[in-house]
Amino acid sequence: MNVLNELLTNVVPLYGFIILGYVASRWLGLKSKPISSLLLYVLIPVVIFDNILKAEPAQLATAMSIVFLLAALMNIPAALVNRRFGSNVHPDLVRCSFSYFNIGWFGIPVVMALFGEAKMPLIISAYMGNVLYGDTVGYYLVSRSKDMDVKDSIKNVLKIPAIYALIAAIIANAYGVKMPESLEPVMKGASWTLSALGMIIIGVTLTAVDVKNVAYAQFSKIMAVRYVAAALILGLLVWLESLVIGQLEGDEQKLMLLMATFPIAANLVVFATYIDTETEDASILVTFSSIISLVLVPAACLLLF
């Protein structure tokens, strides 16, 4: 497998949509709010429902649990960062950024580039664990970064259709429901559009960032802790799974470990934009991590595969 060639051909072009979003916002006045609404209320629920139907129940439960536990445990290093660095970034935004991995818009194209459809059930199952945490606890944390009270933040979480799409898809999967083959091109188009718009919205929000005044040293420290902590915690969880459950083997274990190199989910920007809070810092965090992952993912692929 020519890992570098596959990644350069299939993954790197997605970054062009960040530039497209930036240009469209700067010169054409493109706004992020309509895009975030389309993502939250249409594309994300559709893609979640379609992907859950394709997952094997045992693998779904295992991968979802590992990623959900990873997200929950990443709150520990996030809390240490908030305490140690005295970060100017809102503490709840830091916690969400540590726990929310871009498995859907970044990880799925990477896995497709490396393995085609063969390993999609695993990455989809992991994506669901990410959704289960990110679209509930993660969205709650972003809401709290706007100084909303707990009650209003919970109300915000309950407005997210992704939660209901996830529940409905799990029930449908249990009853053996399959998506009609005639809709497969539509579902692939929805996944591609979701990935593209997720990158575009990062570019749009970057127009509000004053690059001269970005605290590069501070954000670099945050990113360093996040990636190291993710590798350690995910390594521990995969090792424990091999001892206790043994559902994942070989390349499946390696793919789970690869997720530690994935960037922060672009949903962080979608949520921040939709709620209108901390959009600049959210954009910086997502873009910083996306650039770092552009280097880390190929390096990790060469080591693991």
C-alpha atoms as a PDB file:
ATOM      1  CA  MET A   1       0.000   0.000   0.000  1.00  0.00           C
ATOM      2  CA  ASN A   2       1.388   3.402  -1.019  1.00  0.00           C
ATOM      3  CA  VAL A   3       0.145   5.241   2.058  1.00  0.00           C
ATOM      4  CA  LEU A   4       1.518   8.682   1.208  1.00  0.00           C
ATOM      5  CA  ASN A   5       0.214   8.590  -2.356  1.00  0.00           C
ATOM      6  CA  GLU A   6      -3.276   7.531  -1.206  1.00  0.00           C
ATOM      7  CA  LEU A   7      -3.438  10.261   1.422  1.00  0.00           C
ATOM      8  CA  LEU A   8      -2.183  12.961  -0.941  1.00  0.00           C
ATOM      9  CA  THR A   9      -4.678  11.911  -3.589  1.00  0.00           C
ATOM     10  CA  ASN A  10      -7.778  11.432  -1.444  1.00  0.00           C
ATOM     11  CA  VAL A  11      -7.403  13.444   1.768  1.00  0.00           C
ATOM     12  CA  VAL A  12      -5.287  16.539   1.160  1.00  0.00           C
ATOM     13  CA  PRO A  13      -7.694  17.923  -1.510  1.00  0.00           C
ATOM     14  CA  LEU A  14     -10.310  18.316   1.234  1.00  0.00           C
ATOM     15  CA  TYR A  15      -8.162  21.079   2.695  1.00  0.00           C
ATOM     16  CA  GLY A  16      -8.770  23.081  -0.456  1.00  0.00           C
ATOM     17  CA  PHE A  17     -12.301  23.643   0.788  1.00  0.00           C
ATOM     18  CA  ILE A  18     -10.911  25.629   3.743  1.00  0.00           C
ATOM     19  CA  ILE A  19      -9.317  28.011   1.237  1.00  0.00           C
ATOM     20  CA  LEU A  20     -12.543  28.079  -0.784  1.00  0.00           C
ATOM     21  CA  GLY A  21     -14.552  29.004   2.316  1.00  0.00           C
ATOM     22  CA  TYR A  22     -12.103  31.744   3.227  1.00  0.00           C
ATOM     23  CA  VAL A  23     -12.162  33.250  -0.260  1.00  0.00           C
ATOM     24  CA  ALA A  24     -15.975  32.996  -0.537  1.00  0.00           C
ATOM     25  CA  SER A  25     -16.409  34.732   2.804  1.00  0.00           C
ATOM     26  CA  ARG A  26     -13.782  37.418   2.243  1.00  0.00           C
ATOM     27  CA  TRP A  27     -14.812  38.429  -1.275  1.00  0.00           C
ATOM     28  CA  LEU A  28     -18.354  37.129  -1.733  1.00  0.00           C
ATOM     29  CA  GLY A  29     -19.733  37.662   1.772  1.00  0.00           C
ATOM     30  CA  LEU A  30     -20.543  33.999   2.441  1.00  0.00           C
ATOM     31  CA  LYS A  31     -21.915  33.576   5.992  1.00  0.00           C
ATOM     32  CA  SER A  32     -21.378  30.541   8.219  1.00  0.00           C
ATOM     33  CA  LYS A  33     -24.802  30.503   9.916  1.00  0.00           C
ATOM     34  CA  PRO A  34     -26.747  29.007   6.960  1.00  0.00           C
ATOM     35  CA  ILE A  35     -24.057  26.365   6.461  1.00  0.00           C
ATOM     36  CA  SER A  36     -24.035  25.369  10.121  1.00  0.00           C
ATOM     37  CA  SER A  37     -27.840  25.090  10.108  1.00  0.00           C
ATOM     38  CA  LEU A  38     -27.765  22.865   7.006  1.00  0.00           C
ATOM     39  CA  LEU A  39     -25.138  20.652   8.606  1.00  0.00           C
ATOM     40  CA  LEU A  40     -26.849  20.386  11.992  1.00  0.00           C
ATOM     41  CA  TYR A  41     -30.413  19.857  10.828  1.00  0.00           C
ATOM     42  CA  VAL A  42     -30.033  17.939   7.558  1.00  0.00           C
ATOM     43  CA  LEU A  43     -26.699  16.437   6.559  1.00  0.00           C
ATOM     44  CA  ILE A  44     -25.332  15.230   9.906  1.00  0.00           C
ATOM     45  CA  PRO A  45     -28.553  13.369  10.895  1.00  0.00           C
ATOM     46  CA  VAL A  46     -28.853  11.798   7.416  1.00  0.00           C
ATOM     47  CA  VAL A  47     -25.237  10.601   7.367  1.00  0.00           C
ATOM     48  CA  ILE A  48     -25.483   9.261  10.929  1.00  0.00           C
ATOM     49  CA  PHE A  49     -28.635   7.274  10.143  1.00  0.00           C
ATOM     50  CA  ASP A  50     -27.172   5.801   6.961  1.00  0.00           C
ATOM     51  CA  ASN A  51     -23.870   4.848   8.572  1.00  0.00           C
ATOM     52  CA  ILE A  52     -25.380   3.206  11.643  1.00  0.00           C
ATOM     53  CA  LEU A  53     -27.434   0.879   9.458  1.00  0.00           C
ATOM     54  CA  LYS A  54     -24.205  -0.480   7.933  1.00  0.00           C
ATOM     55  CA  ALA A  55     -22.440  -1.281  11.220  1.00  0.00           C
ATOM     56  CA  GLU A  56     -22.186  -4.713  12.842  1.00  0.00           C
ATOM     57  CA  PRO A  57     -23.833  -4.631  16.322  1.00  0.00           C
ATOM     58  CA  ALA A  58     -20.883  -6.164  18.236  1.00  0.00           C
ATOM     59  CA  GLN A  59     -18.303  -3.987  16.520  1.00  0.00           C
ATOM     60  CA  LEU A  60     -20.586  -0.981  16.846  1.00  0.00           C
ATOM     61  CA  ALA A  61     -20.849  -1.445  20.614  1.00  0.00           C
ATOM     62  CA  THR A  62     -17.101  -2.016  21.065  1.00  0.00           C
ATOM     63  CA  ALA A  63     -15.832   0.884  18.934  1.00  0.00           C
ATOM     64  CA  MET A  64     -18.511   3.266  20.242  1.00  0.00           C
ATOM     65  CA  SER A  65     -17.584   2.443  23.827  1.00  0.00           C
ATOM     66  CA  ILE A  66     -13.856   2.942  23.270  1.00  0.00           C
ATOM     67  CA  VAL A  67     -14.295   6.320  21.564  1.00  0.00           C
ATOM     68  CA  PHE A  68     -16.888   7.504  24.088  1.00  0.00           C
ATOM     69  CA  LEU A  69     -14.541   6.571  26.951  1.00  0.00           C
ATOM     70  CA  LEU A  70     -11.664   8.304  25.160  1.00  0.00           C
ATOM     71  CA  ALA A  71     -13.730  11.474  24.878  1.00  0.00           C
ATOM     72  CA  ALA A  72     -14.755  11.346  28.527  1.00  0.00           C
ATOM     73  CA  LEU A  73     -11.209  10.681  29.786  1.00  0.00           C
ATOM     74  CA  MET A  74      -9.769  13.503  27.663  1.00  0.00           C
ATOM     75  CA  ASN A  75     -11.449  15.897  30.090  1.00  0.00           C
ATOM     76  CA  ILE A  76      -8.640  15.085  32.539  1.00  0.00           C
ATOM     77  CA  PRO A  77      -5.749  16.486  30.444  1.00  0.00           C
ATOM     78  CA  ALA A  78      -8.042  19.347  29.356  1.00  0.00           C
ATOM     79  CA  ALA A  79      -8.556  20.296  33.001  1.00  0.00           C
ATOM     80  CA  LEU A  80      -4.797  20.151  33.563  1.00  0.00           C
ATOM     81  CA  VAL A  81      -4.221  22.463  30.587  1.00  0.00           C
ATOM     82  CA  ASN A  82      -6.776  24.952  31.884  1.00  0.00           C
ATOM     83  CA  ARG A  83      -5.124  24.952  35.300  1.00  0.00           C
ATOM     84  CA  ARG A  84      -1.473  24.837  34.200  1.00  0.00           C
ATOM     85  CA  PHE A  85      -1.421  27.325  31.340  1.00  0.00           C
ATOM     86  CA  GLY A  86      -4.039  29.730  32.650  1.00  0.00           C
ATOM     87  CA  SER A  87      -5.357  29.650  29.109  1.00  0.00           C
ATOM     88  CA  ASN A  88      -7.255  32.614  27.675  1.00  0.00           C
ATOM     89  CA  VAL A  89      -9.346  30.108  25.738  1.00  0.00           C
ATOM     90  CA  HIS A  90     -12.647  29.392  27.482  1.00  0.00           C
ATOM     91  CA  PRO A  91     -12.209  26.273  29.702  1.00  0.00           C
ATOM     92  CA  ASP A  92     -15.358  24.597  28.356  1.00  0.00           C
ATOM     93  CA  LEU A  93     -14.172  25.131  24.780  1.00  0.00           C
ATOM     94  CA  VAL A  94     -10.835  23.506  25.664  1.00  0.00           C
ATOM     95  CA  ARG A  95     -12.626  20.519  27.186  1.00  0.00           C
ATOM     96  CA  CYS A  96     -14.791  20.086  24.098  1.00  0.00           C
ATOM     97  CA  SER A  97     -11.803  20.433  21.758  1.00  0.00           C
ATOM     98  CA  PHE A  98      -9.877  17.740  23.634  1.00  0.00           C
ATOM     99  CA  SER A  99     -12.762  15.280  23.532  1.00  0.00           C
ATOM    100  CA  TYR A 100     -14.166  15.817  20.033  1.00  0.00           C
ATOM    101  CA  PHE A 101     -12.244  14.087  17.224  1.00  0.00           C
ATOM    102  CA  ASN A 102     -12.813  14.639  13.510  1.00  0.00           C
ATOM    103  CA  ILE A 103     -13.603  11.008  12.737  1.00  0.00           C
ATOM    104  CA  GLY A 104     -16.468  11.753  10.358  1.00  0.00           C
ATOM    105  CA  TRP A 105     -15.115  14.474   8.070  1.00  0.00           C
ATOM    106  CA  PHE A 106     -11.428  13.541   8.349  1.00  0.00           C
ATOM    107  CA  GLY A 107     -11.218   9.934   9.531  1.00  0.00           C
ATOM    108  CA  ILE A 108     -13.677   8.424   7.066  1.00  0.00           C
ATOM    109  CA  PRO A 109     -11.863   9.846   3.996  1.00  0.00           C
ATOM    110  CA  VAL A 110      -8.539   8.626   5.448  1.00  0.00           C
ATOM    111  CA  VAL A 111      -9.852   5.095   5.968  1.00  0.00           C
ATOM    112  CA  MET A 112     -11.465   5.090   2.527  1.00  0.00           C
ATOM    113  CA  ALA A 113      -8.121   6.151   1.058  1.00  0.00           C
ATOM    114  CA  LEU A 114      -6.274   3.357   2.831  1.00  0.00           C
ATOM    115  CA  PHE A 115      -8.729   0.452   2.793  1.00  0.00           C
ATOM    116  CA  GLY A 116     -11.705   1.343   0.612  1.00  0.00           C
ATOM    117  CA  GLU A 117     -14.991  -0.061   1.943  1.00  0.00           C
ATOM    118  CA  ALA A 118     -13.334  -2.945   3.846  1.00  0.00           C
ATOM    119  CA  LYS A 119     -12.842  -1.127   7.153  1.00  0.00           C
ATOM    120  CA  MET A 120     -15.747   1.311   6.921  1.00  0.00           C
ATOM    121  CA  PRO A 121     -17.917  -0.494   9.514  1.00  0.00           C
ATOM    122  CA  LEU A 122     -15.219   0.038  12.156  1.00  0.00           C
ATOM    123  CA  ILE A 123     -14.644   3.712  11.438  1.00  0.00           C
ATOM    124  CA  ILE A 124     -18.396   4.298  11.244  1.00  0.00           C
ATOM    125  CA  SER A 125     -18.867   2.619  14.626  1.00  0.00           C
ATOM    126  CA  ALA A 126     -16.122   4.789  16.113  1.00  0.00           C
ATOM    127  CA  TYR A 127     -17.745   7.829  14.530  1.00  0.00           C
ATOM    128  CA  MET A 128     -20.958   6.995  16.360  1.00  0.00           C
ATOM    129  CA  GLY A 129     -19.131   7.005  19.702  1.00  0.00           C
ATOM    130  CA  ASN A 130     -17.789  10.408  18.749  1.00  0.00           C
ATOM    131  CA  VAL A 131     -21.280  11.620  17.858  1.00  0.00           C
ATOM    132  CA  LEU A 132     -22.756  10.202  21.050  1.00  0.00           C
ATOM    133  CA  TYR A 133     -20.339  12.287  23.125  1.00  0.00           C
ATOM    134  CA  GLY A 134     -19.714  15.300  20.911  1.00  0.00           C
ATOM    135  CA  ASP A 135     -23.317  16.049  19.981  1.00  0.00           C
ATOM    136  CA  THR A 136     -24.463  15.803  23.598  1.00  0.00           C
ATOM    137  CA  VAL A 137     -21.747  16.621  26.152  1.00  0.00           C
ATOM    138  CA  GLY A 138     -19.670  18.508  23.572  1.00  0.00           C
ATOM    139  CA  TYR A 139     -22.556  20.691  22.454  1.00  0.00           C
ATOM    140  CA  TYR A 140     -23.471  21.272  26.091  1.00  0.00           C
ATOM    141  CA  LEU A 141     -19.925  22.504  26.827  1.00  0.00           C
ATOM    142  CA  VAL A 142     -19.974  24.897  23.870  1.00  0.00           C
ATOM    143  CA  SER A 143     -23.333  26.207  25.103  1.00  0.00           C
ATOM    144  CA  ARG A 144     -21.854  26.748  28.546  1.00  0.00           C
ATOM    145  CA  SER A 145     -18.993  28.754  26.990  1.00  0.00           C
ATOM    146  CA  LYS A 146     -21.605  31.428  26.240  1.00  0.00           C
ATOM    147  CA  ASP A 147     -22.331  31.562  29.981  1.00  0.00           C
ATOM    148  CA  MET A 148     -25.716  29.923  29.551  1.00  0.00           C
ATOM    149  CA  ASP A 149     -27.148  28.329  32.650  1.00  0.00           C
ATOM    150  CA  VAL A 150     -27.365  24.551  32.874  1.00  0.00           C
ATOM    151  CA  LYS A 151     -31.069  24.423  32.017  1.00  0.00           C
ATOM    152  CA  ASP A 152     -30.697  26.421  28.788  1.00  0.00           C
ATOM    153  CA  SER A 153     -27.601  24.442  27.803  1.00  0.00           C
ATOM    154  CA  ILE A 154     -29.477  21.163  28.171  1.00  0.00           C
ATOM    155  CA  LYS A 155     -32.321  22.597  26.091  1.00  0.00           C
ATOM    156  CA  ASN A 156     -29.778  23.385  23.375  1.00  0.00           C
ATOM    157  CA  VAL A 157     -28.548  19.790  23.413  1.00  0.00           C
ATOM    158  CA  LEU A 158     -32.099  18.447  23.053  1.00  0.00           C
ATOM    159  CA  LYS A 159     -32.576  20.561  19.924  1.00  0.00           C
ATOM    160  CA  ILE A 160     -29.843  18.677  18.042  1.00  0.00           C
ATOM    161  CA  PRO A 161     -31.406  16.202  15.537  1.00  0.00           C
ATOM    162  CA  ALA A 162     -28.262  14.040  15.527  1.00  0.00           C
ATOM    163  CA  ILE A 163     -29.258  12.558  18.890  1.00  0.00           C
ATOM    164  CA  TYR A 164     -32.606  11.386  17.580  1.00  0.00           C
ATOM    165  CA  ALA A 165     -31.073  10.154  14.315  1.00  0.00           C
ATOM    166  CA  LEU A 166     -28.621   8.077  16.345  1.00  0.00           C
ATOM    167  CA  ILE A 167     -31.342   6.517  18.510  1.00  0.00           C
ATOM    168  CA  ALA A 168     -33.588   5.796  15.521  1.00  0.00           C
ATOM    169  CA  ALA A 169     -30.713   4.251  13.563  1.00  0.00           C
ATOM    170  CA  ILE A 170     -29.672   1.967  16.439  1.00  0.00           C
ATOM    171  CA  ILE A 171     -33.266   0.700  16.729  1.00  0.00           C
ATOM    172  CA  ALA A 172     -33.485   0.228  12.943  1.00  0.00           C
ATOM    173  CA  ASN A 173     -30.160  -1.614  12.920  1.00  0.00           C
ATOM    174  CA  ALA A 174     -31.393  -3.951  15.657  1.00  0.00           C
ATOM    175  CA  TYR A 175     -34.425  -4.823  13.523  1.00  0.00           C
ATOM    176  CA  GLY A 176     -32.273  -5.425  10.443  1.00  0.00           C
ATOM    177  CA  VAL A 177     -33.502  -2.433   8.441  1.00  0.00           C
ATOM    178  CA  LYS A 178     -31.390  -1.723   5.337  1.00  0.00           C
ATOM    179  CA  MET A 179     -31.154   1.414   3.246  1.00  0.00           C
ATOM    180  CA  PRO A 180     -32.496   0.841  -0.306  1.00  0.00           C
ATOM    181  CA  GLU A 181     -29.661   0.409  -2.806  1.00  0.00           C
ATOM    182  CA  SER A 182     -31.247   3.058  -5.010  1.00  0.00           C
ATOM    183  CA  LEU A 183     -30.441   5.634  -2.312  1.00  0.00           C
ATOM    184  CA  GLU A 184     -26.744   4.696  -2.064  1.00  0.00           C
ATOM    185  CA  PRO A 185     -25.593   7.434  -4.515  1.00  0.00           C
ATOM    186  CA  VAL A 186     -27.635   9.967  -2.535  1.00  0.00           C
ATOM    187  CA  MET A 187     -26.047   8.878   0.748  1.00  0.00           C
ATOM    188  CA  LYS A 188     -22.543   9.037  -0.712  1.00  0.00           C
ATOM    189  CA  GLY A 189     -23.333  12.502  -2.014  1.00  0.00           C
ATOM    190  CA  ALA A 190     -24.543  13.561   1.433  1.00  0.00           C
ATOM    191  CA  SER A 191     -21.321  12.275   3.049  1.00  0.00           C
ATOM    192  CA  TRP A 192     -19.161  14.088   0.513  1.00  0.00           C
ATOM    193  CA  THR A 193     -21.157  17.305   0.885  1.00  0.00           C
ATOM    194  CA  LEU A 194     -20.903  17.085   4.685  1.00  0.00           C
ATOM    195  CA  SER A 195     -17.104  16.752   4.479  1.00  0.00           C
ATOM    196  CA  ALA A 196     -16.808  19.636   2.024  1.00  0.00           C
ATOM    197  CA  LEU A 197     -19.106  22.006   3.937  1.00  0.00           C
ATOM    198  CA  GLY A 198     -17.386  21.116   7.215  1.00  0.00           C
ATOM    199  CA  MET A 199     -14.089  22.322   5.745  1.00  0.00           C
ATOM    200  CA  ILE A 200     -15.700  25.359   4.069  1.00  0.00           C
ATOM    201  CA  ILE A 201     -17.186  26.585   7.344  1.00  0.00           C
ATOM    202  CA  ILE A 202     -13.708  26.544   8.914  1.00  0.00           C
ATOM    203  CA  GLY A 203     -12.488  28.812   6.117  1.00  0.00           C
ATOM    204  CA  VAL A 204     -15.481  31.128   6.522  1.00  0.00           C
ATOM    205  CA  THR A 205     -14.931  31.598  10.248  1.00  0.00           C
ATOM    206  CA  LEU A 206     -11.184  32.116   9.754  1.00  0.00           C
ATOM    207  CA  THR A 207     -11.935  35.470   8.124  1.00  0.00           C
ATOM    208  CA  ALA A 208     -12.736  36.754  11.619  1.00  0.00           C
ATOM    209  CA  VAL A 209      -9.354  35.654  12.991  1.00  0.00           C
ATOM    210  CA  ASP A 210      -6.619  38.256  13.386  1.00  0.00           C
ATOM    211  CA  VAL A 211      -3.601  36.076  12.510  1.00  0.00           C
ATOM    212  CA  LYS A 212      -1.179  38.700  13.833  1.00  0.00           C
ATOM    213  CA  ASN A 213      -2.637  38.503  17.321  1.00  0.00           C
ATOM    214  CA  VAL A 214      -3.068  34.719  17.631  1.00  0.00           C
ATOM    215  CA  ALA A 215      -1.322  33.353  20.729  1.00  0.00           C
ATOM    216  CA  TYR A 216       0.646  30.749  18.774  1.00  0.00           C
ATOM    217  CA  ALA A 217       2.714  29.575  21.743  1.00  0.00           C
ATOM    218  CA  GLN A 218      -0.385  29.014  23.862  1.00  0.00           C
ATOM    219  CA  PHE A 219      -2.291  27.134  21.161  1.00  0.00           C
ATOM    220  CA  SER A 220       0.808  25.029  20.403  1.00  0.00           C
ATOM    221  CA  LYS A 221       1.000  23.922  24.033  1.00  0.00           C
ATOM    222  CA  ILE A 222      -2.696  23.047  24.039  1.00  0.00           C
ATOM    223  CA  MET A 223      -2.289  20.964  20.884  1.00  0.00           C
ATOM    224  CA  ALA A 224       0.832  19.183  22.167  1.00  0.00           C
ATOM    225  CA  VAL A 225      -0.934  18.048  25.334  1.00  0.00           C
ATOM    226  CA  ARG A 226      -4.034  16.994  23.395  1.00  0.00           C
ATOM    227  CA  TYR A 227      -2.205  14.742  20.930  1.00  0.00           C
ATOM    228  CA  VAL A 228       0.078  13.122  23.515  1.00  0.00           C
ATOM    229  CA  ALA A 229      -2.811  12.524  25.930  1.00  0.00           C
ATOM    230  CA  ALA A 230      -5.009  11.065  23.171  1.00  0.00           C
ATOM    231  CA  ALA A 231      -2.279   8.616  22.129  1.00  0.00           C
ATOM    232  CA  LEU A 232      -1.712   7.443  25.710  1.00  0.00           C
ATOM    233  CA  ILE A 233      -5.386   7.118  26.649  1.00  0.00           C
ATOM    234  CA  LEU A 234      -6.418   5.451  23.382  1.00  0.00           C
ATOM    235  CA  GLY A 235      -3.479   3.060  23.577  1.00  0.00           C
ATOM    236  CA  LEU A 236      -4.556   2.049  27.077  1.00  0.00           C
ATOM    237  CA  LEU A 237      -8.194   1.550  26.028  1.00  0.00           C
ATOM    238  CA  VAL A 238      -7.276  -0.572  22.983  1.00  0.00           C
ATOM    239  CA  TRP A 239      -4.951  -2.689  25.131  1.00  0.00           C
ATOM    240  CA  LEU A 240      -7.660  -3.208  27.766  1.00  0.00           C
ATOM    241  CA  GLU A 241     -10.151  -4.160  25.044  1.00  0.00           C
ATOM    242  CA  SER A 242      -7.754  -6.828  23.767  1.00  0.00           C
ATOM    243  CA  LEU A 243      -7.480  -8.297  27.270  1.00  0.00           C
ATOM    244  CA  VAL A 244     -11.138  -8.142  28.307  1.00  0.00           C
ATOM    245  CA  ILE A 245     -13.221  -8.373  25.107  1.00  0.00           C
ATOM    246  CA  GLY A 246     -10.998  -9.264  22.161  1.00  0.00           C
ATOM    247  CA  GLN A 247     -13.417  -8.035  19.489  1.00  0.00           C
ATOM    248  CA  LEU A 248     -10.806  -6.002  17.598  1.00  0.00           C
ATOM    249  CA  GLU A 249      -7.811  -7.570  15.904  1.00  0.00           C
ATOM    250  CA  GLY A 250      -4.868  -6.610  13.686  1.00  0.00           C
ATOM    251  CA  ASP A 251      -5.644  -3.666  11.417  1.00  0.00           C
ATOM    252  CA  GLU A 252      -8.771  -2.878  13.420  1.00  0.00           C
ATOM    253  CA  GLN A 253      -6.652  -2.180  16.513  1.00  0.00           C
ATOM    254  CA  LYS A 254      -4.254  -0.094  14.424  1.00  0.00           C
ATOM    255  CA  LEU A 255      -7.117   1.936  12.979  1.00  0.00           C
ATOM    256  CA  MET A 256      -8.388   2.663  16.468  1.00  0.00           C
ATOM    257  CA  LEU A 257      -4.912   3.843  17.486  1.00  0.00           C
ATOM    258  CA  LEU A 258      -4.717   6.034  14.382  1.00  0.00           C
ATOM    259  CA  MET A 259      -7.660   8.068  15.674  1.00  0.00           C
ATOM    260  CA  ALA A 260      -5.399   9.705  18.262  1.00  0.00           C
ATOM    261  CA  THR A 261      -3.793  11.638  15.387  1.00  0.00           C
ATOM    262  CA  PHE A 262      -7.105  12.975  14.050  1.00  0.00           C
ATOM    263  CA  PRO A 263      -7.788  16.718  14.414  1.00  0.00           C
ATOM    264  CA  ILE A 264     -10.481  18.400  16.466  1.00  0.00           C
ATOM    265  CA  ALA A 265     -13.926  17.897  14.935  1.00  0.00           C
ATOM    266  CA  ALA A 266     -15.027  20.758  12.693  1.00  0.00           C
ATOM    267  CA  ASN A 267     -18.360  20.448  14.519  1.00  0.00           C
ATOM    268  CA  LEU A 268     -16.712  22.575  17.213  1.00  0.00           C
ATOM    269  CA  VAL A 269     -16.845  25.476  14.750  1.00  0.00           C
ATOM    270  CA  VAL A 270     -20.354  24.522  13.600  1.00  0.00           C
ATOM    271  CA  PHE A 271     -21.631  24.572  17.189  1.00  0.00           C
ATOM    272  CA  ALA A 272     -19.812  27.778  18.094  1.00  0.00           C
ATOM    273  CA  THR A 273     -21.133  29.482  14.964  1.00  0.00           C
ATOM    274  CA  TYR A 274     -24.688  28.306  15.514  1.00  0.00           C
ATOM    275  CA  ILE A 275     -24.716  29.441  19.157  1.00  0.00           C
ATOM    276  CA  ASP A 276     -22.618  32.518  18.316  1.00  0.00           C
ATOM    277  CA  THR A 277     -19.936  31.990  20.943  1.00  0.00           C
ATOM    278  CA  GLU A 278     -16.125  31.692  20.907  1.00  0.00           C
ATOM    279  CA  THR A 279     -16.083  31.318  17.116  1.00  0.00           C
ATOM    280  CA  GLU A 280     -12.579  32.738  16.645  1.00  0.00           C
ATOM    281  CA  ASP A 281     -10.929  30.445  19.200  1.00  0.00           C
ATOM    282  CA  ALA A 282     -12.930  27.475  17.905  1.00  0.00           C
ATOM    283  CA  SER A 283     -11.696  28.172  14.365  1.00  0.00           C
ATOM    284  CA  ILE A 284      -8.093  28.520  15.519  1.00  0.00           C
ATOM    285  CA  LEU A 285      -8.225  25.254  17.477  1.00  0.00           C
ATOM    286  CA  VAL A 286      -9.752  23.292  14.595  1.00  0.00           C
ATOM    287  CA  THR A 287      -7.411  24.770  11.976  1.00  0.00           C
ATOM    288  CA  PHE A 288      -4.305  24.310  14.154  1.00  0.00           C
ATOM    289  CA  SER A 289      -5.162  20.664  14.746  1.00  0.00           C
ATOM    290  CA  SER A 290      -6.054  20.082  11.076  1.00  0.00           C
ATOM    291  CA  ILE A 291      -2.638  21.342   9.968  1.00  0.00           C
ATOM    292  CA  ILE A 292      -0.864  19.231  12.600  1.00  0.00           C
ATOM    293  CA  SER A 293      -2.850  16.128  11.626  1.00  0.00           C
ATOM    294  CA  LEU A 294      -1.897  16.641   8.008  1.00  0.00           C
ATOM    295  CA  VAL A 295       1.619  15.685   9.137  1.00  0.00           C
ATOM    296  CA  LEU A 296       0.831  13.287  11.982  1.00  0.00           C
ATOM    297  CA  VAL A 297      -1.635  11.041  10.135  1.00  0.00           C
ATOM    298  CA  PRO A 298       0.742  10.071   7.295  1.00  0.00           C
ATOM    299  CA  ALA A 299       3.552   9.544   9.820  1.00  0.00           C
ATOM    300  CA  ALA A 300       1.329   7.321  11.986  1.00  0.00           C
ATOM    301  CA  CYS A 301       0.104   5.405   8.896  1.00  0.00           C
ATOM    302  CA  LEU A 302       3.682   4.655   7.888  1.00  0.00           C
ATOM    303  CA  LEU A 303       4.452   3.397  11.411  1.00  0.00           C
ATOM    304  CA  LEU A 304       1.272   1.357  11.865  1.00  0.00           C
ATOM    305  CA  PHE A 305       0.704  -0.038   8.372  1.00  0.00           C
END
